[in-house]
Each structure stands twice: as C-alpha cells, then as structure tokens.
Amino acid sequence: MRMQAGRMAPRIRMKVPVQLESLEKLGLAERTLTENVCPLGIRVVTKRPWQPGETLQITSPVGDLRAPARVVYCQPLRGDQFGVGLQFHGPQVRWAK
C-alpha cells in the first residue's frame, strides 16, 4: 500500500491569539499568534523552542478553543524566533472565517 505525502487538511492563513502551556513542565507557557490553522492543527511563531513530541494545552478566547496538542516540529527562524507546528489530539477544531 502506497502512503500519500503532504498535509491531511489544507491550511488557512489566520492570526488567532493563543496561549501555549506545557502539560509536562508546569509553569511553562507562552502567548503568541497563529500563522495558519486547519482542523487538525496550527502553526505558531514562538520566542522559545518547544521540543517535538512535547504535549501542550492550547487555549484561545477566539471560539473558546481549549485543546491538547503535540509539537510536531520546531524550526529556528530569523532572530530568536521559532516556527512550531502543533497537531491537535481529539476532535477536529472548527475555525470561524
């Protein structure tokens, strides 16, 4: 059986305020904005590196979002910023347009 490469759901460029909180390291949290979203996850730019595989709680006042997520990747960007891909655990998230 051949595996298909690429995203399972298309990303939508959308800036949504979110708070990332580590479920593994108490007190470790950061507020940021999404770069893009989809029902299965988000990409954010952060000021600190997050470890792939780490589990976070994502919250946002937009749409009352509260969902656990797994860090899929963390890429160094310009300056001291990082691009972080997060995959939600559980039901898909519906984003308002």
PDB file of N, CA and C in Angstrom:
ATOM      1  N   MET A   1       0.848  -1.173   0.000  1.00  0.00           N
ATOM      2  CA  MET A   1       0.000   0.000   0.000  1.00  0.00           C
ATOM      3  C   MET A   1       0.895   1.238   0.000  1.00  0.00           C
ATOM      4  N   ARG A   2       0.614   2.170  -0.862  1.00  0.00           N
ATOM      5  CA  ARG A   2       1.416   3.382  -1.001  1.00  0.00           C
ATOM      6  C   ARG A   2       0.871   4.486  -0.098  1.00  0.00           C
ATOM      7  N   MET A   3       1.773   5.140   0.649  1.00  0.00           N
ATOM      8  CA  MET A   3       1.377   6.247   1.525  1.00  0.00           C
ATOM      9  C   MET A   3       1.389   7.540   0.728  1.00  0.00           C
ATOM     10  N   GLN A   4       0.446   8.414   1.002  1.00  0.00           N
ATOM     11  CA  GLN A   4       0.361   9.697   0.338  1.00  0.00           C
ATOM     12  C   GLN A   4       1.098  10.736   1.171  1.00  0.00           C
ATOM     13  N   ALA A   5       1.949  11.520   0.494  1.00  0.00           N
ATOM     14  CA  ALA A   5       2.707  12.564   1.189  1.00  0.00           C
ATOM     15  C   ALA A   5       1.908  13.858   1.215  1.00  0.00           C
ATOM     16  N   GLY A   6       2.240  14.739   2.148  1.00  0.00           N
ATOM     17  CA  GLY A   6       1.590  16.048   2.211  1.00  0.00           C
ATOM     18  C   GLY A   6       0.624  16.155   3.368  1.00  0.00           C
ATOM     19  N   ARG A   7      -0.065  17.275   3.408  1.00  0.00           N
ATOM     20  CA  ARG A   7      -0.991  17.574   4.503  1.00  0.00           C
ATOM     21  C   ARG A   7      -2.294  16.791   4.347  1.00  0.00           C
ATOM     22  N   MET A   8      -2.873  16.472   5.508  1.00  0.00           N
ATOM     23  CA  MET A   8      -4.165  15.776   5.510  1.00  0.00           C
ATOM     24  C   MET A   8      -5.314  16.769   5.356  1.00  0.00           C
ATOM     25  N   ALA A   9      -5.075  18.043   5.696  1.00  0.00           N
ATOM     26  CA  ALA A   9      -6.099  19.084   5.583  1.00  0.00           C
ATOM     27  C   ALA A   9      -5.411  20.381   5.161  1.00  0.00           C
ATOM     28  N   PRO A  10      -6.049  21.180   4.304  1.00  0.00           N
ATOM     29  CA  PRO A  10      -5.436  22.430   3.858  1.00  0.00           C
ATOM     30  C   PRO A  10      -5.340  23.452   4.991  1.00  0.00           C
ATOM     31  N   ARG A  11      -4.257  24.214   4.974  1.00  0.00           N
ATOM     32  CA  ARG A  11      -4.047  25.271   5.979  1.00  0.00           C
ATOM     33  C   ARG A  11      -4.671  26.573   5.504  1.00  0.00           C
ATOM     34  N   ILE A  12      -5.162  27.356   6.451  1.00  0.00           N
ATOM     35  CA  ILE A  12      -5.751  28.667   6.171  1.00  0.00           C
ATOM     36  C   ILE A  12      -4.925  29.699   6.915  1.00  0.00           C
ATOM     37  N   ARG A  13      -4.467  30.734   6.211  1.00  0.00           N
ATOM     38  CA  ARG A  13      -3.728  31.804   6.882  1.00  0.00           C
ATOM     39  C   ARG A  13      -4.698  32.556   7.786  1.00  0.00           C
ATOM     40  N   MET A  14      -4.393  32.561   9.085  1.00  0.00           N
ATOM     41  CA  MET A  14      -5.273  33.219  10.040  1.00  0.00           C
ATOM     42  C   MET A  14      -4.473  33.530  11.303  1.00  0.00           C
ATOM     43  N   LYS A  15      -4.591  34.771  11.756  1.00  0.00           N
ATOM     44  CA  LYS A  15      -3.927  35.170  13.003  1.00  0.00           C
ATOM     45  C   LYS A  15      -4.950  35.109  14.129  1.00  0.00           C
ATOM     46  N   VAL A  16      -4.708  34.180  15.040  1.00  0.00           N
ATOM     47  CA  VAL A  16      -5.585  33.975  16.191  1.00  0.00           C
ATOM     48  C   VAL A  16      -4.708  33.997  17.443  1.00  0.00           C
ATOM     49  N   PRO A  17      -5.069  34.774  18.472  1.00  0.00           N
ATOM     50  CA  PRO A  17      -4.272  34.748  19.703  1.00  0.00           C
ATOM     51  C   PRO A  17      -4.449  33.407  20.421  1.00  0.00           C
ATOM     52  N   VAL A  18      -3.323  32.821  20.825  1.00  0.00           N
ATOM     53  CA  VAL A  18      -3.361  31.552  21.549  1.00  0.00           C
ATOM     54  C   VAL A  18      -2.367  31.584  22.705  1.00  0.00           C
ATOM     55  N   GLN A  19      -2.632  30.760  23.684  1.00  0.00           N
ATOM     56  CA  GLN A  19      -1.671  30.535  24.765  1.00  0.00           C
ATOM     57  C   GLN A  19      -1.255  29.077  24.705  1.00  0.00           C
ATOM     58  N   LEU A  20       0.055  28.852  24.741  1.00  0.00           N
ATOM     59  CA  LEU A  20       0.621  27.510  24.764  1.00  0.00           C
ATOM     60  C   LEU A  20       1.069  27.232  26.196  1.00  0.00           C
ATOM     61  N   GLU A  21       0.646  26.100  26.745  1.00  0.00           N
ATOM     62  CA  GLU A  21       1.060  25.715  28.099  1.00  0.00           C
ATOM     63  C   GLU A  21       1.546  24.277  28.067  1.00  0.00           C
ATOM     64  N   SER A  22       2.762  24.054  28.553  1.00  0.00           N
ATOM     65  CA  SER A  22       3.302  22.699  28.606  1.00  0.00           C
ATOM     66  C   SER A  22       2.515  21.872  29.614  1.00  0.00           C
ATOM     67  N   LEU A  23       2.148  20.661  29.224  1.00  0.00           N
ATOM     68  CA  LEU A  23       1.492  19.736  30.149  1.00  0.00           C
ATOM     69  C   LEU A  23       2.536  18.877  30.857  1.00  0.00           C
ATOM     70  N   GLU A  24       3.806  19.040  30.461  1.00  0.00           N
ATOM     71  CA  GLU A  24       4.894  18.251  31.037  1.00  0.00           C
ATOM     72  C   GLU A  24       5.756  19.057  31.997  1.00  0.00           C
ATOM     73  N   LYS A  25       5.831  20.372  31.783  1.00  0.00           N
ATOM     74  CA  LYS A  25       6.660  21.244  32.615  1.00  0.00           C
ATOM     75  C   LYS A  25       5.769  22.355  33.162  1.00  0.00           C
ATOM     76  N   LEU A  26       5.326  22.201  34.396  1.00  0.00           N
ATOM     77  CA  LEU A  26       4.401  23.161  34.995  1.00  0.00           C
ATOM     78  C   LEU A  26       4.979  24.568  34.996  1.00  0.00           C
ATOM     79  N   GLY A  27       4.134  25.534  34.668  1.00  0.00           N
ATOM     80  CA  GLY A  27       4.543  26.932  34.674  1.00  0.00           C
ATOM     81  C   GLY A  27       5.157  27.411  33.379  1.00  0.00           C
ATOM     82  N   LEU A  28       5.409  26.509  32.432  1.00  0.00           N
ATOM     83  CA  LEU A  28       5.999  26.900  31.149  1.00  0.00           C
ATOM     84  C   LEU A  28       4.872  27.242  30.178  1.00  0.00           C
ATOM     85  N   ALA A  29       4.761  28.525  29.830  1.00  0.00           N
ATOM     86  CA  ALA A  29       3.676  28.992  28.973  1.00  0.00           C
ATOM     87  C   ALA A  29       4.151  30.151  28.119  1.00  0.00           C
ATOM     88  N   GLU A  30       3.446  30.385  27.008  1.00  0.00           N
ATOM     89  CA  GLU A  30       3.769  31.500  26.115  1.00  0.00           C
ATOM     90  C   GLU A  30       2.511  31.911  25.354  1.00  0.00           C
ATOM     91  N   ARG A  31       2.336  33.228  25.213  1.00  0.00           N
ATOM     92  CA  ARG A  31       1.240  33.761  24.387  1.00  0.00           C
ATOM     93  C   ARG A  31       1.812  34.141  23.035  1.00  0.00           C
ATOM     94  N   THR A  32       1.066  33.828  21.984  1.00  0.00           N
ATOM     95  CA  THR A  32       1.520  34.123  20.629  1.00  0.00           C
ATOM     96  C   THR A  32       0.312  34.181  19.694  1.00  0.00           C
ATOM     97  N   LEU A  33       0.577  34.270  18.395  1.00  0.00           N
ATOM     98  CA  LEU A  33      -0.466  34.263  17.361  1.00  0.00           C
ATOM     99  C   LEU A  33      -0.234  33.089  16.418  1.00  0.00           C
ATOM    100  N   THR A  34      -1.321  32.562  15.887  1.00  0.00           N
ATOM    101  CA  THR A  34      -1.172  31.535  14.857  1.00  0.00           C
ATOM    102  C   THR A  34      -0.732  32.203  13.557  1.00  0.00           C
ATOM    103  N   GLU A  35      -0.023  31.451  12.718  1.00  0.00           N
ATOM    104  CA  GLU A  35       0.283  31.887  11.343  1.00  0.00           C
ATOM    105  C   GLU A  35      -0.755  31.299  10.401  1.00  0.00           C
ATOM    106  N   ASN A  36      -1.048  30.007  10.633  1.00  0.00           N
ATOM    107  CA  ASN A  36      -2.074  29.343   9.843  1.00  0.00           C
ATOM    108  C   ASN A  36      -2.726  28.270  10.697  1.00  0.00           C
ATOM    109  N   VAL A  37      -3.917  27.869  10.266  1.00  0.00           N
ATOM    110  CA  VAL A  37      -4.721  26.922  11.025  1.00  0.00           C
ATOM    111  C   VAL A  37      -5.357  25.902  10.090  1.00  0.00           C
ATOM    112  N   CYS A  38      -5.751  24.778  10.645  1.00  0.00           N
ATOM    113  CA  CYS A  38      -6.583  23.795   9.954  1.00  0.00           C
ATOM    114  C   CYS A  38      -7.309  23.018  11.040  1.00  0.00           C
ATOM    115  N   PRO A  39      -8.260  22.182  10.700  1.00  0.00           N
ATOM    116  CA  PRO A  39      -8.994  21.443  11.724  1.00  0.00           C
ATOM    117  C   PRO A  39      -8.111  20.505  12.559  1.00  0.00           C
ATOM    118  N   LEU A  40      -6.939  20.136  12.016  1.00  0.00           N
ATOM    119  CA  LEU A  40      -6.079  19.165  12.685  1.00  0.00           C
ATOM    120  C   LEU A  40      -4.935  19.787  13.473  1.00  0.00           C
ATOM    121  N   GLY A  41      -4.650  21.093  13.257  1.00  0.00           N
ATOM    122  CA  GLY A  41      -3.529  21.693  13.962  1.00  0.00           C
ATOM    123  C   GLY A  41      -3.300  23.147  13.590  1.00  0.00           C
ATOM    124  N   ILE A  42      -2.190  23.696  14.095  1.00  0.00           N
ATOM    125  CA  ILE A  42      -1.836  25.096  13.845  1.00  0.00           C
ATOM    126  C   ILE A  42      -0.326  25.234  13.698  1.00  0.00           C
ATOM    127  N   ARG A  43       0.089  26.364  13.132  1.00  0.00           N
ATOM    128  CA  ARG A  43       1.491  26.759  13.130  1.00  0.00           C
ATOM    129  C   ARG A  43       1.555  28.107  13.828  1.00  0.00           C
ATOM    130  N   VAL A  44       2.502  28.232  14.764  1.00  0.00           N
ATOM    131  CA  VAL A  44       2.695  29.466  15.507  1.00  0.00           C
ATOM    132  C   VAL A  44       4.159  29.867  15.433  1.00  0.00           C
ATOM    133  N   VAL A  45       4.429  31.138  15.729  1.00  0.00           N
ATOM    134  CA  VAL A  45       5.802  31.619  15.880  1.00  0.00           C
ATOM    135  C   VAL A  45       5.990  31.913  17.362  1.00  0.00           C
ATOM    136  N   THR A  46       7.039  31.338  17.957  1.00  0.00           N
ATOM    137  CA  THR A  46       7.277  31.490  19.389  1.00  0.00           C
ATOM    138  C   THR A  46       8.640  32.121  19.663  1.00  0.00           C
ATOM    139  N   LYS A  47       8.830  32.536  20.901  1.00  0.00           N
ATOM    140  CA  LYS A  47      10.100  33.123  21.321  1.00  0.00           C
ATOM    141  C   LYS A  47      11.025  32.089  21.954  1.00  0.00           C
ATOM    142  N   ARG A  48      10.510  30.897  22.182  1.00  0.00           N
ATOM    143  CA  ARG A  48      11.327  29.846  22.784  1.00  0.00           C
ATOM    144  C   ARG A  48      11.146  28.562  21.984  1.00  0.00           C
ATOM    145  N   PRO A  49      12.131  27.699  21.999  1.00  0.00           N
ATOM    146  CA  PRO A  49      11.957  26.416  21.309  1.00  0.00           C
ATOM    147  C   PRO A  49      11.092  25.460  22.127  1.00  0.00           C
ATOM    148  N   TRP A  50      10.218  24.734  21.444  1.00  0.00           N
ATOM    149  CA  TRP A  50       9.419  23.681  22.060  1.00  0.00           C
ATOM    150  C   TRP A  50       9.922  22.367  21.473  1.00  0.00           C
ATOM    151  N   GLN A  51       9.949  21.323  22.263  1.00  0.00           N
ATOM    152  CA  GLN A  51      10.512  20.042  21.850  1.00  0.00           C
ATOM    153  C   GLN A  51       9.498  19.201  21.079  1.00  0.00           C
ATOM    154  N   PRO A  52       9.889  18.667  19.897  1.00  0.00           N
ATOM    155  CA  PRO A  52       8.996  17.749  19.184  1.00  0.00           C
ATOM    156  C   PRO A  52       8.584  16.600  20.108  1.00  0.00           C
ATOM    157  N   GLY A  53       7.300  16.278  20.062  1.00  0.00           N
ATOM    158  CA  GLY A  53       6.737  15.240  20.914  1.00  0.00           C
ATOM    159  C   GLY A  53       6.165  15.773  22.215  1.00  0.00           C
ATOM    160  N   GLU A  54       6.543  17.012  22.601  1.00  0.00           N
ATOM    161  CA  GLU A  54       6.033  17.606  23.836  1.00  0.00           C
ATOM    162  C   GLU A  54       4.524  17.840  23.710  1.00  0.00           C
ATOM    163  N   THR A  55       3.797  17.652  24.800  1.00  0.00           N
ATOM    164  CA  THR A  55       2.347  17.851  24.812  1.00  0.00           C
ATOM    165  C   THR A  55       2.024  19.195  25.443  1.00  0.00           C
ATOM    166  N   LEU A  56       1.206  19.974  24.732  1.00  0.00           N
ATOM    167  CA  LEU A  56       0.815  21.308  25.182  1.00  0.00           C
ATOM    168  C   LEU A  56      -0.698  21.414  25.281  1.00  0.00           C
ATOM    169  N   GLN A  57      -1.157  22.357  26.087  1.00  0.00           N
ATOM    170  CA  GLN A  57      -2.574  22.735  26.112  1.00  0.00           C
ATOM    171  C   GLN A  57      -2.670  24.048  25.347  1.00  0.00           C
ATOM    172  N   ILE A  58      -3.516  24.107  24.329  1.00  0.00           N
ATOM    173  CA  ILE A  58      -3.710  25.310  23.521  1.00  0.00           C
ATOM    174  C   ILE A  58      -5.033  25.934  23.931  1.00  0.00           C
ATOM    175  N   THR A  59      -5.003  27.211  24.296  1.00  0.00           N
ATOM    176  CA  THR A  59      -6.237  27.917  24.622  1.00  0.00           C
ATOM    177  C   THR A  59      -6.285  29.218  23.840  1.00  0.00           C
ATOM    178  N   SER A  60      -7.504  29.649  23.528  1.00  0.00           N
ATOM    179  CA  SER A  60      -7.711  30.902  22.821  1.00  0.00           C
ATOM    180  C   SER A  60      -9.101  31.426  23.152  1.00  0.00           C
ATOM    181  N   PRO A  61      -9.202  32.759  23.318  1.00  0.00           N
ATOM    182  CA  PRO A  61     -10.524  33.337  23.545  1.00  0.00           C
ATOM    183  C   PRO A  61     -11.386  33.283  22.288  1.00  0.00           C
ATOM    184  N   VAL A  62     -10.765  33.116  21.133  1.00  0.00           N
ATOM    185  CA  VAL A  62     -11.497  33.040  19.864  1.00  0.00           C
ATOM    186  C   VAL A  62     -12.110  31.649  19.743  1.00  0.00           C
ATOM    187  N   GLY A  63     -13.423  31.600  19.767  1.00  0.00           N
ATOM    188  CA  GLY A  63     -14.127  30.323  19.649  1.00  0.00           C
ATOM    189  C   GLY A  63     -14.010  29.441  20.875  1.00  0.00           C
ATOM    190  N   ASP A  64     -13.570  30.007  22.000  1.00  0.00           N
ATOM    191  CA  ASP A  64     -13.426  29.228  23.234  1.00  0.00           C
ATOM    192  C   ASP A  64     -12.595  27.962  23.030  1.00  0.00           C
ATOM    193  N   LEU A  65     -11.496  28.093  22.285  1.00  0.00           N
ATOM    194  CA  LEU A  65     -10.636  26.954  21.998  1.00  0.00           C
ATOM    195  C   LEU A  65      -9.896  26.511  23.255  1.00  0.00           C
ATOM    196  N   ARG A  66      -9.940  25.224  23.525  1.00  0.00           N
ATOM    197  CA  ARG A  66      -9.156  24.592  24.586  1.00  0.00           C
ATOM    198  C   ARG A  66      -8.922  23.166  24.116  1.00  0.00           C
ATOM    199  N   ALA A  67      -7.672  22.893  23.696  1.00  0.00           N
ATOM    200  CA  ALA A  67      -7.379  21.578  23.126  1.00  0.00           C
ATOM    201  C   ALA A  67      -5.940  21.171  23.418  1.00  0.00           C
ATOM    202  N   PRO A  68      -5.730  19.893  23.735  1.00  0.00           N
ATOM    203  CA  PRO A  68      -4.364  19.412  23.857  1.00  0.00           C
ATOM    204  C   PRO A  68      -3.766  19.229  22.463  1.00  0.00           C
ATOM    205  N   ALA A  69      -2.452  19.396  22.366  1.00  0.00           N
ATOM    206  CA  ALA A  69      -1.778  19.260  21.077  1.00  0.00           C
ATOM    207  C   ALA A  69      -0.368  18.727  21.296  1.00  0.00           C
ATOM    208  N   ARG A  70       0.197  18.137  20.240  1.00  0.00           N
ATOM    209  CA  ARG A  70       1.555  17.609  20.254  1.00  0.00           C
ATOM    210  C   ARG A  70       2.417  18.462  19.345  1.00  0.00           C
ATOM    211  N   VAL A  71       3.627  18.787  19.806  1.00  0.00           N
ATOM    212  CA  VAL A  71       4.581  19.530  18.973  1.00  0.00           C
ATOM    213  C   VAL A  71       5.100  18.565  17.903  1.00  0.00           C
ATOM    214  N   VAL A  72       4.867  18.915  16.632  1.00  0.00           N
ATOM    215  CA  VAL A  72       5.309  18.083  15.520  1.00  0.00           C
ATOM    216  C   VAL A  72       6.710  18.497  15.089  1.00  0.00           C
ATOM    217  N   TYR A  73       6.946  19.810  15.011  1.00  0.00           N
ATOM    218  CA  TYR A  73       8.273  20.306  14.637  1.00  0.00           C
ATOM    219  C   TYR A  73       8.511  21.668  15.262  1.00  0.00           C
ATOM    220  N   CYS A  74       9.785  22.036  15.352  1.00  0.00           N
ATOM    221  CA  CYS A  74      10.187  23.352  15.841  1.00  0.00           C
ATOM    222  C   CYS A  74      11.387  23.794  15.002  1.00  0.00           C
ATOM    223  N   GLN A  75      11.186  24.829  14.171  1.00  0.00           N
ATOM    224  CA  GLN A  75      12.224  25.308  13.257  1.00  0.00           C
ATOM    225  C   GLN A  75      12.769  26.654  13.721  1.00  0.00           C
ATOM    226  N   PRO A  76      14.098  26.799  13.772  1.00  0.00           N
ATOM    227  CA  PRO A  76      14.652  28.130  14.068  1.00  0.00           C
ATOM    228  C   PRO A  76      14.306  29.087  12.923  1.00  0.00           C
ATOM    229  N   LEU A  77      13.931  30.311  13.262  1.00  0.00           N
ATOM    230  CA  LEU A  77      13.628  31.344  12.277  1.00  0.00           C
ATOM    231  C   LEU A  77      14.594  32.501  12.473  1.00  0.00           C
ATOM    232  N   ARG A  78      14.324  33.614  11.843  1.00  0.00           N
ATOM    233  CA  ARG A  78      15.163  34.802  11.982  1.00  0.00           C
ATOM    234  C   ARG A  78      15.211  35.263  13.441  1.00  0.00           C
ATOM    235  N   GLY A  79      16.337  35.807  13.809  1.00  0.00           N
ATOM    236  CA  GLY A  79      16.461  36.300  15.182  1.00  0.00           C
ATOM    237  C   GLY A  79      16.321  35.185  16.188  1.00  0.00           C
ATOM    238  N   ASP A  80      15.559  35.429  17.211  1.00  0.00           N
ATOM    239  CA  ASP A  80      15.368  34.429  18.264  1.00  0.00           C
ATOM    240  C   ASP A  80      13.939  33.899  18.272  1.00  0.00           C
ATOM    241  N   GLN A  81      13.413  33.605  17.069  1.00  0.00           N
ATOM    242  CA  GLN A  81      12.052  33.078  16.940  1.00  0.00           C
ATOM    243  C   GLN A  81      12.079  31.658  16.387  1.00  0.00           C
ATOM    244  N   PHE A  82      10.956  30.946  16.612  1.00  0.00           N
ATOM    245  CA  PHE A  82      10.846  29.568  16.169  1.00  0.00           C
ATOM    246  C   PHE A  82       9.473  29.333  15.542  1.00  0.00           C
ATOM    247  N   GLY A  83       9.437  28.618  14.440  1.00  0.00           N
ATOM    248  CA  GLY A  83       8.184  28.194  13.823  1.00  0.00           C
ATOM    249  C   GLY A  83       7.830  26.828  14.395  1.00  0.00           C
ATOM    250  N   VAL A  84       6.631  26.715  14.973  1.00  0.00           N
ATOM    251  CA  VAL A  84       6.241  25.490  15.656  1.00  0.00           C
ATOM    252  C   VAL A  84       4.946  24.948  15.054  1.00  0.00           C
ATOM    253  N   GLY A  85       4.972  23.689  14.643  1.00  0.00           N
ATOM    254  CA  GLY A  85       3.792  23.002  14.136  1.00  0.00           C
ATOM    255  C   GLY A  85       3.179  22.164  15.235  1.00  0.00           C
ATOM    256  N   LEU A  86       1.883  22.326  15.453  1.00  0.00           N
ATOM    257  CA  LEU A  86       1.173  21.620  16.521  1.00  0.00           C
ATOM    258  C   LEU A  86       0.013  20.819  15.945  1.00  0.00           C
ATOM    259  N   GLN A  87      -0.102  19.583  16.371  1.00  0.00           N
ATOM    260  CA  GLN A  87      -1.197  18.713  15.940  1.00  0.00           C
ATOM    261  C   GLN A  87      -2.126  18.485  17.122  1.00  0.00           C
ATOM    262  N   PHE A  88      -3.425  18.777  16.916  1.00  0.00           N
ATOM    263  CA  PHE A  88      -4.405  18.600  17.984  1.00  0.00           C
ATOM    264  C   PHE A  88      -4.636  17.127  18.270  1.00  0.00           C
ATOM    265  N   HIS A  89      -4.901  16.811  19.544  1.00  0.00           N
ATOM    266  CA  HIS A  89      -5.366  15.489  19.968  1.00  0.00           C
ATOM    267  C   HIS A  89      -6.879  15.594  20.079  1.00  0.00           C
ATOM    268  N   GLY A  90      -7.582  14.575  19.710  1.00  0.00           N
ATOM    269  CA  GLY A  90      -9.030  14.593  19.882  1.00  0.00           C
ATOM    270  C   GLY A  90      -9.755  15.142  18.670  1.00  0.00           C
ATOM    271  N   PRO A  91     -10.957  15.702  18.897  1.00  0.00           N
ATOM    272  CA  PRO A  91     -11.797  16.147  17.781  1.00  0.00           C
ATOM    273  C   PRO A  91     -11.169  17.296  17.002  1.00  0.00           C
ATOM    274  N   GLN A  92     -11.552  17.386  15.746  1.00  0.00           N
ATOM    275  CA  GLN A  92     -11.073  18.471  14.891  1.00  0.00           C
ATOM    276  C   GLN A  92     -11.614  19.805  15.399  1.00  0.00           C
ATOM    277  N   VAL A  93     -10.846  20.864  15.157  1.00  0.00           N
ATOM    278  CA  VAL A  93     -11.235  22.207  15.583  1.00  0.00           C
ATOM    279  C   VAL A  93     -11.869  22.920  14.398  1.00  0.00           C
ATOM    280  N   ARG A  94     -12.993  23.551  14.617  1.00  0.00           N
ATOM    281  CA  ARG A  94     -13.664  24.331  13.570  1.00  0.00           C
ATOM    282  C   ARG A  94     -13.282  25.796  13.744  1.00  0.00           C
ATOM    283  N   TRP A  95     -12.676  26.368  12.709  1.00  0.00           N
ATOM    284  CA  TRP A  95     -12.235  27.765  12.742  1.00  0.00           C
ATOM    285  C   TRP A  95     -13.257  28.640  12.049  1.00  0.00           C
ATOM    286  N   ALA A  96     -13.650  29.727  12.686  1.00  0.00           N
ATOM    287  CA  ALA A  96     -14.570  30.697  12.054  1.00  0.00           C
ATOM    288  C   ALA A  96     -13.791  31.482  11.019  1.00  0.00           C
ATOM    289  N   LYS A  97     -14.427  31.802   9.915  1.00  0.00           N
ATOM    290  CA  LYS A  97     -13.753  32.574   8.860  1.00  0.00           C
ATOM    291  C   LYS A  97     -13.967  34.045   9.050  1.00  0.00           C
TER     292      LYS A  97
END
